Amino acid sequence: DNAKNTVYLQMNSLKPEDTAVYYCKAGRGITL
């Protein structure tokens, strides 16, 4: 949602193997 400067991850049917620390990344081009 660009108006809210927010990215979402909807996770359904979760499995134990999904257990992890989840990180958000913002990137531009191939370097930043």
PDB file of all heavy atoms in Angstrom:
ATOM      1  N   ASP A   1       0.870  -1.158   0.000  1.00  0.00           N
ATOM      2  CA  ASP A   1       0.000   0.000   0.000  1.00  0.00           C
ATOM      3  C   ASP A   1       0.912   1.213   0.000  1.00  0.00           C
ATOM      4  O   ASP A   1       1.433   1.612   1.039  1.00  0.00           O
ATOM      5  CB  ASP A   1      -0.922  -0.003   1.216  1.00  0.00           C
ATOM      6  CG  ASP A   1      -1.957   1.106   1.170  1.00  0.00           C
ATOM      7  OD1 ASP A   1      -1.757   2.097   0.453  1.00  0.00           O
ATOM      8  OD2 ASP A   1      -2.986   0.979   1.866  1.00  0.00           O
ATOM      9  N   ASN A   2       1.114   1.779  -1.168  1.00  0.00           N
ATOM     10  CA  ASN A   2       2.047   2.889  -1.278  1.00  0.00           C
ATOM     11  C   ASN A   2       1.578   4.123  -0.519  1.00  0.00           C
ATOM     12  O   ASN A   2       2.394   4.916  -0.055  1.00  0.00           O
ATOM     13  CB  ASN A   2       2.282   3.229  -2.747  1.00  0.00           C
ATOM     14  CG  ASN A   2       3.106   2.185  -3.460  1.00  0.00           C
ATOM     15  OD1 ASN A   2       3.775   1.361  -2.835  1.00  0.00           O
ATOM     16  ND2 ASN A   2       3.071   2.211  -4.787  1.00  0.00           N
ATOM     17  N   ALA A   3       0.277   4.288  -0.383  1.00  0.00           N
ATOM     18  CA  ALA A   3      -0.245   5.421   0.371  1.00  0.00           C
ATOM     19  C   ALA A   3       0.104   5.325   1.845  1.00  0.00           C
ATOM     20  O   ALA A   3       0.175   6.342   2.534  1.00  0.00           O
ATOM     21  CB  ALA A   3      -1.755   5.526   0.188  1.00  0.00           C
ATOM     22  N   LYS A   4       0.309   4.107   2.342  1.00  0.00           N
ATOM     23  CA  LYS A   4       0.664   3.892   3.737  1.00  0.00           C
ATOM     24  C   LYS A   4       2.132   3.545   3.929  1.00  0.00           C
ATOM     25  O   LYS A   4       2.553   3.283   5.058  1.00  0.00           O
ATOM     26  CB  LYS A   4      -0.200   2.781   4.337  1.00  0.00           C
ATOM     27  CG  LYS A   4      -1.673   3.102   4.391  1.00  0.00           C
ATOM     28  CD  LYS A   4      -2.454   1.964   5.025  1.00  0.00           C
ATOM     29  CE  LYS A   4      -3.926   2.305   5.125  1.00  0.00           C
ATOM     30  NZ  LYS A   4      -4.704   1.203   5.734  1.00  0.00           N
ATOM     31  N   ASN A   5       2.889   3.533   2.851  1.00  0.00           N
ATOM     32  CA  ASN A   5       4.304   3.148   2.918  1.00  0.00           C
ATOM     33  C   ASN A   5       4.483   1.812   3.626  1.00  0.00           C
ATOM     34  O   ASN A   5       5.385   1.638   4.453  1.00  0.00           O
ATOM     35  CB  ASN A   5       5.131   4.229   3.615  1.00  0.00           C
ATOM     36  CG  ASN A   5       5.343   5.461   2.761  1.00  0.00           C
ATOM     37  OD1 ASN A   5       4.823   5.568   1.653  1.00  0.00           O
ATOM     38  ND2 ASN A   5       6.110   6.404   3.280  1.00  0.00           N
ATOM     39  N   THR A   6       3.638   0.873   3.292  1.00  0.00           N
ATOM     40  CA  THR A   6       3.612  -0.394   4.009  1.00  0.00           C
ATOM     41  C   THR A   6       3.532  -1.556   3.035  1.00  0.00           C
ATOM     42  O   THR A   6       2.803  -1.496   2.041  1.00  0.00           O
ATOM     43  CB  THR A   6       2.428  -0.446   4.978  1.00  0.00           C
ATOM     44  OG1 THR A   6       2.543   0.628   5.924  1.00  0.00           O
ATOM     45  CG2 THR A   6       2.403  -1.764   5.735  1.00  0.00           C
ATOM     46  N   VAL A   7       4.285  -2.597   3.342  1.00  0.00           N
ATOM     47  CA  VAL A   7       4.203  -3.846   2.623  1.00  0.00           C
ATOM     48  C   VAL A   7       3.714  -4.911   3.587  1.00  0.00           C
ATOM     49  O   VAL A   7       4.043  -4.886   4.775  1.00  0.00           O
ATOM     50  CB  VAL A   7       5.560  -4.235   1.987  1.00  0.00           C
ATOM     51  CG1 VAL A   7       6.627  -4.449   3.042  1.00  0.00           C
ATOM     52  CG2 VAL A   7       5.406  -5.464   1.103  1.00  0.00           C
ATOM     53  N   TYR A   8       2.911  -5.838   3.079  1.00  0.00           N
ATOM     54  CA  TYR A   8       2.296  -6.867   3.896  1.00  0.00           C
ATOM     55  C   TYR A   8       2.689  -8.251   3.402  1.00  0.00           C
ATOM     56  O   TYR A   8       3.009  -8.450   2.229  1.00  0.00           O
ATOM     57  CB  TYR A   8       0.771  -6.762   3.839  1.00  0.00           C
ATOM     58  CG  TYR A   8       0.234  -5.414   4.220  1.00  0.00           C
ATOM     59  CD1 TYR A   8      -0.047  -4.458   3.251  1.00  0.00           C
ATOM     60  CD2 TYR A   8      -0.005  -5.091   5.549  1.00  0.00           C
ATOM     61  CE1 TYR A   8      -0.546  -3.218   3.595  1.00  0.00           C
ATOM     62  CE2 TYR A   8      -0.506  -3.856   5.905  1.00  0.00           C
ATOM     63  CZ  TYR A   8      -0.776  -2.920   4.931  1.00  0.00           C
ATOM     64  OH  TYR A   8      -1.273  -1.685   5.276  1.00  0.00           O
ATOM     65  N   LEU A   9       2.634  -9.184   4.304  1.00  0.00           N
ATOM     66  CA  LEU A   9       2.758 -10.586   3.954  1.00  0.00           C
ATOM     67  C   LEU A   9       1.644 -11.343   4.651  1.00  0.00           C
ATOM     68  O   LEU A   9       1.677 -11.519   5.871  1.00  0.00           O
ATOM     69  CB  LEU A   9       4.119 -11.156   4.360  1.00  0.00           C
ATOM     70  CG  LEU A   9       4.373 -12.595   3.917  1.00  0.00           C
ATOM     71  CD1 LEU A   9       4.489 -12.681   2.397  1.00  0.00           C
ATOM     72  CD2 LEU A   9       5.629 -13.160   4.580  1.00  0.00           C
ATOM     73  N   GLN A  10       0.659 -11.746   3.879  1.00  0.00           N
ATOM     74  CA  GLN A  10      -0.419 -12.567   4.397  1.00  0.00           C
ATOM     75  C   GLN A  10       0.020 -14.019   4.332  1.00  0.00           C
ATOM     76  O   GLN A  10       0.331 -14.525   3.258  1.00  0.00           O
ATOM     77  CB  GLN A  10      -1.698 -12.363   3.583  1.00  0.00           C
ATOM     78  CG  GLN A  10      -2.872 -13.216   4.040  1.00  0.00           C
ATOM     79  CD  GLN A  10      -3.362 -12.839   5.409  1.00  0.00           C
ATOM     80  OE1 GLN A  10      -3.581 -11.661   5.689  1.00  0.00           O
ATOM     81  NE2 GLN A  10      -3.540 -13.824   6.277  1.00  0.00           N
ATOM     82  N   MET A  11       0.033 -14.677   5.464  1.00  0.00           N
ATOM     83  CA  MET A  11       0.499 -16.046   5.565  1.00  0.00           C
ATOM     84  C   MET A  11      -0.654 -16.921   6.015  1.00  0.00           C
ATOM     85  O   MET A  11      -1.172 -16.764   7.121  1.00  0.00           O
ATOM     86  CB  MET A  11       1.669 -16.151   6.540  1.00  0.00           C
ATOM     87  CG  MET A  11       2.832 -15.223   6.213  1.00  0.00           C
ATOM     88  SD  MET A  11       4.263 -15.487   7.283  1.00  0.00           S
ATOM     89  CE  MET A  11       3.571 -14.975   8.856  1.00  0.00           C
ATOM     90  N   ASN A  12      -1.047 -17.839   5.162  1.00  0.00           N
ATOM     91  CA  ASN A  12      -2.125 -18.769   5.454  1.00  0.00           C
ATOM     92  C   ASN A  12      -1.590 -20.191   5.466  1.00  0.00           C
ATOM     93  O   ASN A  12      -0.516 -20.471   4.960  1.00  0.00           O
ATOM     94  CB  ASN A  12      -3.236 -18.643   4.412  1.00  0.00           C
ATOM     95  CG  ASN A  12      -3.873 -17.281   4.382  1.00  0.00           C
ATOM     96  OD1 ASN A  12      -4.013 -16.620   5.403  1.00  0.00           O
ATOM     97  ND2 ASN A  12      -4.289 -16.846   3.195  1.00  0.00           N
ATOM     98  N   SER A  13      -2.386 -21.075   6.028  1.00  0.00           N
ATOM     99  CA  SER A  13      -2.031 -22.495   6.080  1.00  0.00           C
ATOM    100  C   SER A  13      -0.613 -22.692   6.594  1.00  0.00           C
ATOM    101  O   SER A  13       0.184 -23.443   6.027  1.00  0.00           O
ATOM    102  CB  SER A  13      -2.196 -23.131   4.695  1.00  0.00           C
ATOM    103  OG  SER A  13      -3.523 -22.993   4.223  1.00  0.00           O
ATOM    104  N   LEU A  14      -0.318 -22.043   7.680  1.00  0.00           N
ATOM    105  CA  LEU A  14       1.042 -22.050   8.201  1.00  0.00           C
ATOM    106  C   LEU A  14       1.458 -23.433   8.668  1.00  0.00           C
ATOM    107  O   LEU A  14       0.654 -24.195   9.199  1.00  0.00           O
ATOM    108  CB  LEU A  14       1.186 -21.041   9.329  1.00  0.00           C
ATOM    109  CG  LEU A  14       1.301 -19.598   8.846  1.00  0.00           C
ATOM    110  CD1 LEU A  14       0.967 -18.622   9.963  1.00  0.00           C
ATOM    111  CD2 LEU A  14       2.703 -19.338   8.302  1.00  0.00           C
ATOM    112  N   LYS A  15       2.720 -23.716   8.454  1.00  0.00           N
ATOM    113  CA  LYS A  15       3.324 -24.986   8.808  1.00  0.00           C
ATOM    114  C   LYS A  15       4.449 -24.760   9.801  1.00  0.00           C
ATOM    115  O   LYS A  15       5.047 -23.686   9.839  1.00  0.00           O
ATOM    116  CB  LYS A  15       3.889 -25.673   7.558  1.00  0.00           C
ATOM    117  CG  LYS A  15       2.891 -25.885   6.439  1.00  0.00           C
ATOM    118  CD  LYS A  15       3.586 -26.434   5.201  1.00  0.00           C
ATOM    119  CE  LYS A  15       2.605 -26.647   4.069  1.00  0.00           C
ATOM    120  NZ  LYS A  15       3.287 -27.164   2.850  1.00  0.00           N
ATOM    121  N   PRO A  16       4.781 -25.765  10.600  1.00  0.00           N
ATOM    122  CA  PRO A  16       5.900 -25.598  11.528  1.00  0.00           C
ATOM    123  C   PRO A  16       7.195 -25.173  10.842  1.00  0.00           C
ATOM    124  O   PRO A  16       7.977 -24.414  11.429  1.00  0.00           O
ATOM    125  CB  PRO A  16       6.037 -26.987  12.163  1.00  0.00           C
ATOM    126  CG  PRO A  16       4.656 -27.537  12.122  1.00  0.00           C
ATOM    127  CD  PRO A  16       4.081 -27.043  10.822  1.00  0.00           C
ATOM    128  N   GLU A  17       7.414 -25.614   9.619  1.00  0.00           N
ATOM    129  CA  GLU A  17       8.623 -25.241   8.910  1.00  0.00           C
ATOM    130  C   GLU A  17       8.645 -23.786   8.476  1.00  0.00           C
ATOM    131  O   GLU A  17       9.667 -23.305   7.975  1.00  0.00           O
ATOM    132  CB  GLU A  17       8.859 -26.156   7.698  1.00  0.00           C
ATOM    133  CG  GLU A  17       7.649 -26.313   6.801  1.00  0.00           C
ATOM    134  CD  GLU A  17       6.855 -27.583   7.090  1.00  0.00           C
ATOM    135  OE1 GLU A  17       6.604 -27.869   8.282  1.00  0.00           O
ATOM    136  OE2 GLU A  17       6.494 -28.289   6.130  1.00  0.00           O
ATOM    137  N   ASP A  18       7.542 -23.075   8.645  1.00  0.00           N
ATOM    138  CA  ASP A  18       7.526 -21.636   8.412  1.00  0.00           C
ATOM    139  C   ASP A  18       8.103 -20.854   9.580  1.00  0.00           C
ATOM    140  O   ASP A  18       8.275 -19.637   9.472  1.00  0.00           O
ATOM    141  CB  ASP A  18       6.107 -21.149   8.137  1.00  0.00           C
ATOM    142  CG  ASP A  18       5.519 -21.728   6.863  1.00  0.00           C
ATOM    143  OD1 ASP A  18       6.242 -21.812   5.851  1.00  0.00           O
ATOM    144  OD2 ASP A  18       4.325 -22.089   6.876  1.00  0.00           O
ATOM    145  N   THR A  19       8.368 -21.522  10.676  1.00  0.00           N
ATOM    146  CA  THR A  19       8.916 -20.852  11.847  1.00  0.00           C
ATOM    147  C   THR A  19      10.264 -20.227  11.518  1.00  0.00           C
ATOM    148  O   THR A  19      11.180 -20.901  11.047  1.00  0.00           O
ATOM    149  CB  THR A  19       9.067 -21.839  13.004  1.00  0.00           C
ATOM    150  OG1 THR A  19       7.773 -22.309  13.396  1.00  0.00           O
ATOM    151  CG2 THR A  19       9.735 -21.180  14.201  1.00  0.00           C
ATOM    152  N   ALA A  20      10.378 -18.940  11.768  1.00  0.00           N
ATOM    153  CA  ALA A  20      11.594 -18.206  11.447  1.00  0.00           C
ATOM    154  C   ALA A  20      11.430 -16.767  11.897  1.00  0.00           C
ATOM    155  O   ALA A  20      10.337 -16.337  12.274  1.00  0.00           O
ATOM    156  CB  ALA A  20      11.874 -18.243   9.934  1.00  0.00           C
ATOM    157  N   VAL A  21      12.517 -16.037  11.846  1.00  0.00           N
ATOM    158  CA  VAL A  21      12.452 -14.593  11.941  1.00  0.00           C
ATOM    159  C   VAL A  21      12.238 -14.056  10.538  1.00  0.00           C
ATOM    160  O   VAL A  21      12.984 -14.399   9.616  1.00  0.00           O
ATOM    161  CB  VAL A  21      13.722 -13.992  12.563  1.00  0.00           C
ATOM    162  CG1 VAL A  21      13.641 -12.474  12.587  1.00  0.00           C
ATOM    163  CG2 VAL A  21      13.923 -14.531  13.972  1.00  0.00           C
ATOM    164  N   TYR A  22      11.238 -13.238  10.381  1.00  0.00           N
ATOM    165  CA  TYR A  22      10.889 -12.674   9.089  1.00  0.00           C
ATOM    166  C   TYR A  22      11.367 -11.239   9.014  1.00  0.00           C
ATOM    167  O   TYR A  22      11.095 -10.430   9.903  1.00  0.00           O
ATOM    168  CB  TYR A  22       9.379 -12.743   8.862  1.00  0.00           C
ATOM    169  CG  TYR A  22       8.909 -14.130   8.503  1.00  0.00           C
ATOM    170  CD1 TYR A  22       8.907 -15.142   9.452  1.00  0.00           C
ATOM    171  CD2 TYR A  22       8.486 -14.439   7.214  1.00  0.00           C
ATOM    172  CE1 TYR A  22       8.501 -16.425   9.120  1.00  0.00           C
ATOM    173  CE2 TYR A  22       8.073 -15.710   6.882  1.00  0.00           C
ATOM    174  CZ  TYR A  22       8.086 -16.700   7.839  1.00  0.00           C
ATOM    175  OH  TYR A  22       7.671 -17.975   7.507  1.00  0.00           O
ATOM    176  N   TYR A  23      12.060 -10.935   7.935  1.00  0.00           N
ATOM    177  CA  TYR A  23      12.668  -9.627   7.743  1.00  0.00           C
ATOM    178  C   TYR A  23      12.082  -8.935   6.527  1.00  0.00           C
ATOM    179  O   TYR A  23      11.877  -9.560   5.482  1.00  0.00           O
ATOM    180  CB  TYR A  23      14.173  -9.749   7.533  1.00  0.00           C
ATOM    181  CG  TYR A  23      14.934 -10.306   8.709  1.00  0.00           C
ATOM    182  CD1 TYR A  23      15.150 -11.670   8.837  1.00  0.00           C
ATOM    183  CD2 TYR A  23      15.444  -9.461   9.686  1.00  0.00           C
ATOM    184  CE1 TYR A  23      15.851 -12.184   9.911  1.00  0.00           C
ATOM    185  CE2 TYR A  23      16.146  -9.965  10.757  1.00  0.00           C
ATOM    186  CZ  TYR A  23      16.348 -11.328  10.865  1.00  0.00           C
ATOM    187  OH  TYR A  23      17.054 -11.829  11.932  1.00  0.00           O
ATOM    188  N   CYS A  24      11.875  -7.664   6.665  1.00  0.00           N
ATOM    189  CA  CYS A  24      11.430  -6.818   5.581  1.00  0.00           C
ATOM    190  C   CYS A  24      12.641  -6.178   4.919  1.00  0.00           C
ATOM    191  O   CYS A  24      13.581  -5.754   5.593  1.00  0.00           O
ATOM    192  CB  CYS A  24      10.491  -5.744   6.137  1.00  0.00           C
ATOM    193  SG  CYS A  24       9.883  -4.543   4.944  1.00  0.00           S
ATOM    194  N   LYS A  25      12.614  -6.110   3.609  1.00  0.00           N
ATOM    195  CA  LYS A  25      13.697  -5.497   2.850  1.00  0.00           C
ATOM    196  C   LYS A  25      13.141  -4.523   1.842  1.00  0.00           C
ATOM    197  O   LYS A  25      12.157  -4.814   1.163  1.00  0.00           O
ATOM    198  CB  LYS A  25      14.516  -6.574   2.129  1.00  0.00           C
ATOM    199  CG  LYS A  25      15.654  -6.018   1.291  1.00  0.00           C
ATOM    200  CD  LYS A  25      16.301  -7.112   0.463  1.00  0.00           C
ATOM    201  CE  LYS A  25      17.386  -6.562  -0.445  1.00  0.00           C
ATOM    202  NZ  LYS A  25      17.971  -7.620  -1.305  1.00  0.00           N
ATOM    203  N   ALA A  26      13.784  -3.380   1.742  1.00  0.00           N
ATOM    204  CA  ALA A  26      13.503  -2.399   0.707  1.00  0.00           C
ATOM    205  C   ALA A  26      14.733  -2.265  -0.162  1.00  0.00           C
ATOM    206  O   ALA A  26      15.840  -2.069   0.347  1.00  0.00           O
ATOM    207  CB  ALA A  26      13.128  -1.053   1.319  1.00  0.00           C
ATOM    208  N   GLY A  27      14.544  -2.356  -1.463  1.00  0.00           N
ATOM    209  CA  GLY A  27      15.660  -2.273  -2.375  1.00  0.00           C
ATOM    210  C   GLY A  27      15.328  -1.462  -3.593  1.00  0.00           C
ATOM    211  O   GLY A  27      14.175  -1.374  -4.013  1.00  0.00           O
ATOM    212  N   ARG A  28      16.363  -0.869  -4.137  1.00  0.00           N
ATOM    213  CA  ARG A  28      16.221  -0.101  -5.358  1.00  0.00           C
ATOM    214  C   ARG A  28      17.407  -0.398  -6.246  1.00  0.00           C
ATOM    215  O   ARG A  28      18.557  -0.345  -5.801  1.00  0.00           O
ATOM    216  CB  ARG A  28      16.133   1.392  -5.041  1.00  0.00           C
ATOM    217  CG  ARG A  28      15.808   2.234  -6.254  1.00  0.00           C
ATOM    218  CD  ARG A  28      15.668   3.693  -5.885  1.00  0.00           C
ATOM    219  NE  ARG A  28      15.335   4.488  -7.065  1.00  0.00           N
ATOM    220  CZ  ARG A  28      15.798   5.693  -7.317  1.00  0.00           C
ATOM    221  NH1 ARG A  28      16.617   6.273  -6.452  1.00  0.00           N
ATOM    222  NH2 ARG A  28      15.439   6.326  -8.414  1.00  0.00           N
ATOM    223  N   GLY A  29      17.116  -0.694  -7.492  1.00  0.00           N
ATOM    224  CA  GLY A  29      18.178  -1.095  -8.388  1.00  0.00           C
ATOM    225  C   GLY A  29      18.802  -2.387  -7.918  1.00  0.00           C
ATOM    226  O   GLY A  29      18.112  -3.287  -7.422  1.00  0.00           O
ATOM    227  N   ILE A  30      20.114  -2.474  -8.048  1.00  0.00           N
ATOM    228  CA  ILE A  30      20.813  -3.683  -7.641  1.00  0.00           C
ATOM    229  C   ILE A  30      21.807  -3.441  -6.518  1.00  0.00           C
ATOM    230  O   ILE A  30      22.528  -4.368  -6.122  1.00  0.00           O
ATOM    231  CB  ILE A  30      21.540  -4.342  -8.836  1.00  0.00           C
ATOM    232  CG1 ILE A  30      22.553  -3.385  -9.460  1.00  0.00           C
ATOM    233  CG2 ILE A  30      20.533  -4.806  -9.886  1.00  0.00           C
ATOM    234  CD1 ILE A  30      23.420  -4.031 -10.536  1.00  0.00           C
ATOM    235  N   THR A  31      21.837  -2.239  -5.984  1.00  0.00           N
ATOM    236  CA  THR A  31      22.843  -1.914  -4.979  1.00  0.00           C
ATOM    237  C   THR A  31      22.285  -1.372  -3.666  1.00  0.00           C
ATOM    238  O   THR A  31      22.878  -1.611  -2.614  1.00  0.00           O
ATOM    239  CB  THR A  31      23.843  -0.886  -5.523  1.00  0.00           C
ATOM    240  OG1 THR A  31      23.159   0.299  -5.929  1.00  0.00           O
ATOM    241  CG2 THR A  31      24.604  -1.462  -6.709  1.00  0.00           C
ATOM    242  N   LEU A  32      21.190  -0.670  -3.715  1.00  0.00           N
ATOM    243  CA  LEU A  32      20.687   0.016  -2.535  1.00  0.00           C
ATOM    244  C   LEU A  32      19.622  -0.834  -1.846  1.00  0.00           C
ATOM    245  O   LEU A  32      18.632  -1.219  -2.466  1.00  0.00           O
ATOM    246  CB  LEU A  32      20.105   1.370  -2.915  1.00  0.00           C
ATOM    247  CG  LEU A  32      19.603   2.265  -1.783  1.00  0.00           C
ATOM    248  CD1 LEU A  32      20.739   2.597  -0.828  1.00  0.00           C
ATOM    249  CD2 LEU A  32      18.980   3.531  -2.345  1.00  0.00           C
TER     250      LEU A  32
END
